[in-house]
Amino acid sequence: MNSVRVVVLADNCASARAARGEHGLSYSIEIGGRRALFDTGQGLVLAENAQALGLDLGAVETIALSHGHYDHTGGLPVVLAAARAPVTVHLHPDALQPKYNGTRAIGIPPAARDALAGPNIRLVQSRGPGEVAPGLFLTGEIPRPHPEEALAEIFHLDPDGQSVDPLLDDQSLYFDTDQGVVVLLGCAHAGVVHVLEHVQTLTDHRPIRAVLGGMHLGAATPARLEWVIGHLPRLAPPLLVPMHCTGPRAAAALWTAFPAACRPGGAGAVFDF
């Protein structure tokens, strides 16, 4: 199998001296000599962090989006403007819907929508799982059988709050290694246990090697948090990196429950598989 390097380009905090944080998430993934991005953050720090970390945004050939919120898609104009060759962008069709938190628009920003309509962009919309680049896979829509992982926060498709957004566009990215599957989460709105169970279904129950990213547990009830922590040992990820929207209380609980597995994330963090 190819070696894979994952570099966190954007996160709520920074772990490298030269990097800066923002409320957002973006990963650079180098596999088989090719570079892809999973999410693009807000775009406030993407270019500066890439330069500081020695990453060439112009070499990006593929972008996969976890869902259609601004803090994961706002950096699209930055990346697409830097690209030296056509770029393929993979997303769930519902990511293009208007999205609101109360009356505040939180969907793909107008500049990012305009960038997606550019002449050198190949836009691929899919609800199902699939390979987005050699060795890199999106989960597609994630089944949600456990009521314990029901959405803790309610988002809407309109500013009047009349139409609930089920966030079916929420998906994760994964790749296989000799030691098992590495899962990169965007926000895991579908629930982190749901995500990992779905990945195991897609990979013929390969072991989970690592889980990195946002787990959207900031507003989780104590009961939900206890349920998630109780189910993670069954999935046995030996590397766990809570970031972005996991929330400080949940991150502290995860570090307490799995001190040998947890590692810090942050912009500038590098993980080699």
Protein backbone atom coordinates (compact mmCIF):
# COMPACT_ATOMS: atom_id res chain seq x y z
CA MET A 1 0.00 0.00 0.00
CA ASN A 2 1.07 3.60 -0.58
CA SER A 3 2.30 5.67 2.33
CA VAL A 4 -0.10 8.49 3.15
CA ARG A 5 0.69 11.83 4.78
CA VAL A 6 -2.14 13.82 6.33
CA VAL A 7 -1.45 17.44 7.27
CA VAL A 8 -4.05 19.51 9.10
CA LEU A 9 -4.24 22.77 7.15
CA ALA A 10 -7.01 24.39 9.19
CA ASP A 11 -8.44 23.70 12.63
CA ASN A 12 -9.82 25.73 15.52
CA CYS A 13 -6.36 25.85 17.06
CA ALA A 14 -2.79 25.59 15.76
CA SER A 15 -0.14 23.07 16.75
CA ALA A 16 2.71 24.27 14.53
CA ARG A 17 4.55 27.48 15.41
CA ALA A 18 4.10 28.98 11.94
CA ALA A 19 0.42 28.03 11.53
CA ARG A 20 -2.71 29.90 12.56
CA GLY A 21 -6.10 28.64 13.72
CA GLU A 22 -9.63 29.46 12.62
CA HIS A 23 -13.06 27.97 13.22
CA GLY A 24 -12.89 25.43 10.41
CA LEU A 25 -11.28 22.24 9.22
CA SER A 26 -9.15 21.20 6.26
CA TYR A 27 -6.77 18.35 5.59
CA SER A 28 -4.08 17.96 2.95
CA ILE A 29 -3.64 14.33 1.92
CA GLU A 30 -0.64 13.14 -0.08
CA ILE A 31 -0.97 9.62 -1.47
CA GLY A 32 0.80 8.01 -4.39
CA GLY A 33 2.47 11.27 -5.37
CA ARG A 34 -0.88 13.07 -5.65
CA ARG A 35 -2.36 15.74 -3.41
CA ALA A 36 -5.99 16.02 -2.38
CA LEU A 37 -7.85 18.16 0.13
CA PHE A 38 -10.64 17.05 2.40
CA ASP A 39 -12.55 20.25 3.20
CA THR A 40 -11.10 23.75 2.89
CA GLY A 41 -11.89 25.50 6.17
CA GLN A 42 -13.25 29.05 6.07
CA GLY A 43 -10.36 30.12 3.87
CA LEU A 44 -9.05 32.72 6.33
CA VAL A 45 -5.77 30.88 7.01
CA LEU A 46 -5.55 28.28 4.24
CA ALA A 47 -3.05 29.98 1.94
CA GLU A 48 -0.82 31.23 4.77
CA ASN A 49 -0.78 27.87 6.52
CA ALA A 50 -0.04 26.01 3.30
CA GLN A 51 2.91 28.30 2.61
CA ALA A 52 4.17 28.06 6.19
CA LEU A 53 3.95 24.26 6.09
CA GLY A 54 5.58 23.95 2.67
CA LEU A 55 2.46 22.63 0.91
CA ASP A 56 1.74 23.60 -2.69
CA LEU A 57 -1.98 24.33 -3.12
CA GLY A 58 -1.38 24.57 -6.86
CA ALA A 59 -0.70 20.82 -6.93
CA VAL A 60 -4.15 19.90 -5.58
CA GLU A 61 -6.00 17.70 -8.08
CA THR A 62 -8.97 16.59 -5.97
CA ILE A 63 -11.14 18.19 -3.31
CA ALA A 64 -13.69 16.22 -1.30
CA LEU A 65 -16.21 18.04 0.87
CA SER A 66 -17.67 16.59 4.06
CA HIS A 67 -20.80 18.77 3.97
CA GLY A 68 -22.02 22.17 2.87
CA HIS A 69 -21.18 24.42 5.83
CA TYR A 70 -19.09 27.56 5.42
CA ASP A 71 -16.33 26.45 7.80
CA HIS A 72 -15.57 23.48 5.53
CA THR A 73 -16.12 25.08 2.12
CA GLY A 74 -15.13 28.75 2.43
CA GLY A 75 -11.56 28.08 1.28
CA LEU A 76 -12.63 26.76 -2.13
CA PRO A 77 -11.84 30.04 -3.97
CA VAL A 78 -8.33 30.05 -2.47
CA VAL A 79 -7.52 26.52 -3.62
CA LEU A 80 -9.21 26.71 -7.00
CA ALA A 81 -7.51 30.00 -7.84
CA ALA A 82 -4.12 28.47 -7.01
CA ALA A 83 -4.67 25.28 -9.02
CA ARG A 84 -2.42 24.82 -12.05
CA ALA A 85 -4.57 22.08 -13.56
CA PRO A 86 -8.27 21.16 -13.59
CA VAL A 87 -9.61 20.14 -10.19
CA THR A 88 -12.29 17.56 -9.44
CA VAL A 89 -14.57 18.49 -6.54
CA HIS A 90 -16.66 15.75 -4.90
CA LEU A 91 -19.70 16.55 -2.78
CA HIS A 92 -23.14 15.32 -1.83
CA PRO A 93 -25.84 17.21 -3.81
CA ASP A 94 -27.49 18.42 -0.59
CA ALA A 95 -24.27 20.29 0.26
CA LEU A 96 -25.41 22.88 -2.29
CA GLN A 97 -28.66 23.63 -0.44
CA PRO A 98 -29.09 26.83 1.58
CA LYS A 99 -28.27 26.15 5.23
CA TYR A 100 -29.10 28.13 8.36
CA ASN A 101 -28.43 28.16 12.07
CA GLY A 102 -31.31 30.28 13.27
CA THR A 103 -31.43 33.23 10.86
CA ARG A 104 -27.68 33.06 10.16
CA ALA A 105 -26.66 31.61 6.80
CA ILE A 106 -24.03 28.90 7.33
CA GLY A 107 -24.02 27.25 3.91
CA ILE A 108 -21.45 27.42 1.12
CA PRO A 109 -20.47 31.11 0.79
CA PRO A 110 -21.34 32.92 -2.46
CA ALA A 111 -17.67 33.24 -3.50
CA ALA A 112 -17.21 29.49 -3.06
CA ARG A 113 -20.32 28.77 -5.15
CA ASP A 114 -18.96 31.01 -7.88
CA ALA A 115 -15.61 29.20 -7.74
CA LEU A 116 -17.34 25.84 -8.18
CA ALA A 117 -18.80 27.13 -11.46
CA GLY A 118 -15.34 27.88 -12.87
CA PRO A 119 -14.24 26.52 -16.26
CA ASN A 120 -11.54 24.20 -14.90
CA ILE A 121 -13.75 22.57 -12.26
CA ARG A 122 -15.25 19.10 -12.60
CA LEU A 123 -18.06 18.89 -10.08
CA VAL A 124 -19.05 15.36 -9.04
CA GLN A 125 -22.23 15.00 -6.99
CA SER A 126 -23.04 11.68 -5.37
CA ARG A 127 -25.17 10.39 -2.51
CA GLY A 128 -23.38 7.06 -2.36
CA PRO A 129 -19.88 5.94 -1.39
CA GLY A 130 -17.07 5.97 -3.89
CA GLU A 131 -13.41 6.46 -4.68
CA VAL A 132 -12.53 10.13 -5.17
CA ALA A 133 -8.82 9.60 -5.91
CA PRO A 134 -6.67 6.46 -6.04
CA GLY A 135 -6.91 4.97 -2.55
CA LEU A 136 -9.18 7.70 -1.10
CA PHE A 137 -12.87 7.05 -0.52
CA LEU A 138 -15.94 9.01 0.59
CA THR A 139 -18.57 7.28 2.70
CA GLY A 140 -21.58 8.83 1.02
CA GLU A 141 -24.72 9.10 3.14
CA ILE A 142 -24.31 7.44 6.52
CA PRO A 143 -27.04 5.20 7.99
CA ARG A 144 -28.18 6.32 11.45
CA PRO A 145 -29.72 3.36 13.28
CA HIS A 146 -28.89 4.44 16.84
CA PRO A 147 -31.31 6.97 18.37
CA GLU A 148 -28.61 7.77 20.94
CA GLU A 149 -26.74 9.61 18.18
CA ALA A 150 -29.66 11.74 17.00
CA LEU A 151 -28.68 15.28 16.02
CA ALA A 152 -28.04 17.33 19.14
CA GLU A 153 -28.51 20.62 17.30
CA ILE A 154 -31.22 21.40 14.78
CA PHE A 155 -30.25 23.25 11.61
CA HIS A 156 -32.61 24.49 8.91
CA LEU A 157 -32.80 25.00 5.15
CA ASP A 158 -34.52 28.39 5.50
CA PRO A 159 -34.05 31.44 7.74
CA ASP A 160 -37.57 31.11 9.15
CA GLY A 161 -36.83 27.68 10.62
CA GLN A 162 -39.70 25.97 8.78
CA SER A 163 -37.65 23.24 7.07
CA VAL A 164 -35.29 21.10 9.14
CA ASP A 165 -31.97 20.22 7.53
CA PRO A 166 -31.36 16.48 8.11
CA LEU A 167 -27.72 17.00 7.07
CA LEU A 168 -27.76 13.98 4.79
CA ASP A 169 -24.76 15.53 3.05
CA ASP A 170 -22.58 14.75 6.08
CA GLN A 171 -19.92 12.25 5.02
CA SER A 172 -16.37 11.26 5.92
CA LEU A 173 -13.25 10.29 4.02
CA TYR A 174 -11.25 7.11 4.58
CA PHE A 175 -8.29 5.14 3.26
CA ASP A 176 -6.82 1.75 4.05
CA THR A 177 -3.38 0.95 5.45
CA ASP A 178 -1.58 -2.23 6.46
CA GLN A 179 -2.72 -1.63 10.06
CA GLY A 180 -6.33 -0.81 9.23
CA VAL A 181 -8.57 1.99 7.99
CA VAL A 182 -7.91 5.67 8.72
CA VAL A 183 -11.08 7.80 8.96
CA LEU A 184 -11.09 11.57 8.54
CA LEU A 185 -14.18 13.27 9.93
CA GLY A 186 -15.55 16.63 8.87
CA CYS A 187 -18.11 17.30 11.61
CA ALA A 188 -19.62 13.81 11.99
CA HIS A 189 -23.11 15.32 12.16
CA ALA A 190 -24.35 11.78 11.46
CA GLY A 191 -22.66 10.58 14.66
CA VAL A 192 -19.11 9.30 15.04
CA VAL A 193 -20.22 5.76 15.93
CA HIS A 194 -22.53 5.71 12.90
CA VAL A 195 -19.63 6.86 10.73
CA LEU A 196 -17.25 4.18 11.97
CA GLU A 197 -19.82 1.40 11.71
CA HIS A 198 -20.58 2.46 8.13
CA VAL A 199 -16.89 2.53 7.23
CA GLN A 200 -16.49 -0.98 8.56
CA THR A 201 -19.43 -2.09 6.43
CA LEU A 202 -17.82 -0.49 3.37
CA THR A 203 -14.43 -2.10 4.05
CA ASP A 204 -15.54 -5.67 4.84
CA HIS A 205 -15.01 -4.95 8.55
CA ARG A 206 -11.39 -3.96 8.35
CA PRO A 207 -10.10 -2.73 11.74
CA ILE A 208 -10.14 1.01 12.39
CA ARG A 209 -6.55 2.30 12.58
CA ALA A 210 -7.21 5.97 13.34
CA VAL A 211 -10.00 8.52 13.67
CA LEU A 212 -9.23 12.20 13.17
CA GLY A 213 -11.47 15.22 13.07
CA GLY A 214 -14.60 16.92 14.29
CA MET A 215 -17.11 14.85 16.26
CA HIS A 216 -19.73 17.56 16.90
CA LEU A 217 -20.15 16.68 20.56
CA GLY A 218 -20.03 20.22 21.92
CA ALA A 219 -23.77 20.23 22.61
CA ALA A 220 -24.02 16.53 23.43
CA THR A 221 -25.87 15.57 26.57
CA PRO A 222 -23.90 13.69 29.24
CA ALA A 223 -25.90 10.58 28.31
CA ARG A 224 -24.95 10.81 24.64
CA LEU A 225 -21.30 11.44 25.45
CA GLU A 226 -21.26 8.46 27.79
CA TRP A 227 -22.89 6.32 25.09
CA VAL A 228 -20.31 7.33 22.46
CA ILE A 229 -17.38 6.70 24.80
CA GLY A 230 -18.90 3.35 25.75
CA HIS A 231 -19.11 2.27 22.10
CA LEU A 232 -15.69 3.40 20.90
CA PRO A 233 -13.73 0.54 22.56
CA ARG A 234 -15.71 -1.94 20.44
CA LEU A 235 -14.38 -0.17 17.35
CA ALA A 236 -10.95 0.04 19.00
CA PRO A 237 -9.25 2.95 17.21
CA PRO A 238 -5.63 3.01 18.52
CA LEU A 239 -5.26 6.63 17.36
CA LEU A 240 -7.93 9.20 18.20
CA VAL A 241 -7.51 12.90 17.34
CA PRO A 242 -10.52 15.02 18.38
CA MET A 243 -10.57 18.39 16.60
CA HIS A 244 -12.73 21.29 15.43
CA CYS A 245 -16.33 20.87 16.64
CA THR A 246 -15.70 18.03 19.10
CA GLY A 247 -16.00 20.55 21.94
CA PRO A 248 -13.70 21.00 24.95
CA ARG A 249 -15.84 19.02 27.38
CA ALA A 250 -16.13 16.07 25.00
CA ALA A 251 -12.45 16.27 24.05
CA ALA A 252 -11.50 16.17 27.74
CA ALA A 253 -13.77 13.16 28.27
CA LEU A 254 -12.22 11.35 25.29
CA TRP A 255 -8.68 12.07 26.48
CA THR A 256 -9.63 10.82 29.96
CA ALA A 257 -11.23 7.65 28.63
CA PHE A 258 -8.54 6.88 26.00
CA PRO A 259 -5.27 8.48 27.17
CA ALA A 260 -3.09 6.05 25.22
CA ALA A 261 -4.97 6.62 21.95
CA CYS A 262 -5.57 10.38 21.96
CA ARG A 263 -3.19 12.76 20.23
CA PRO A 264 -3.48 16.54 19.67
CA GLY A 265 -4.57 17.89 16.31
CA GLY A 266 -4.49 21.55 15.28
CA ALA A 267 -3.32 23.34 12.17
CA GLY A 268 0.14 22.07 11.27
CA ALA A 269 -0.24 18.61 12.80
CA VAL A 270 1.22 15.87 10.60
CA PHE A 271 0.22 12.21 10.57
CA ASP A 272 2.06 9.60 8.51
CA PHE A 273 0.48 6.23 7.71
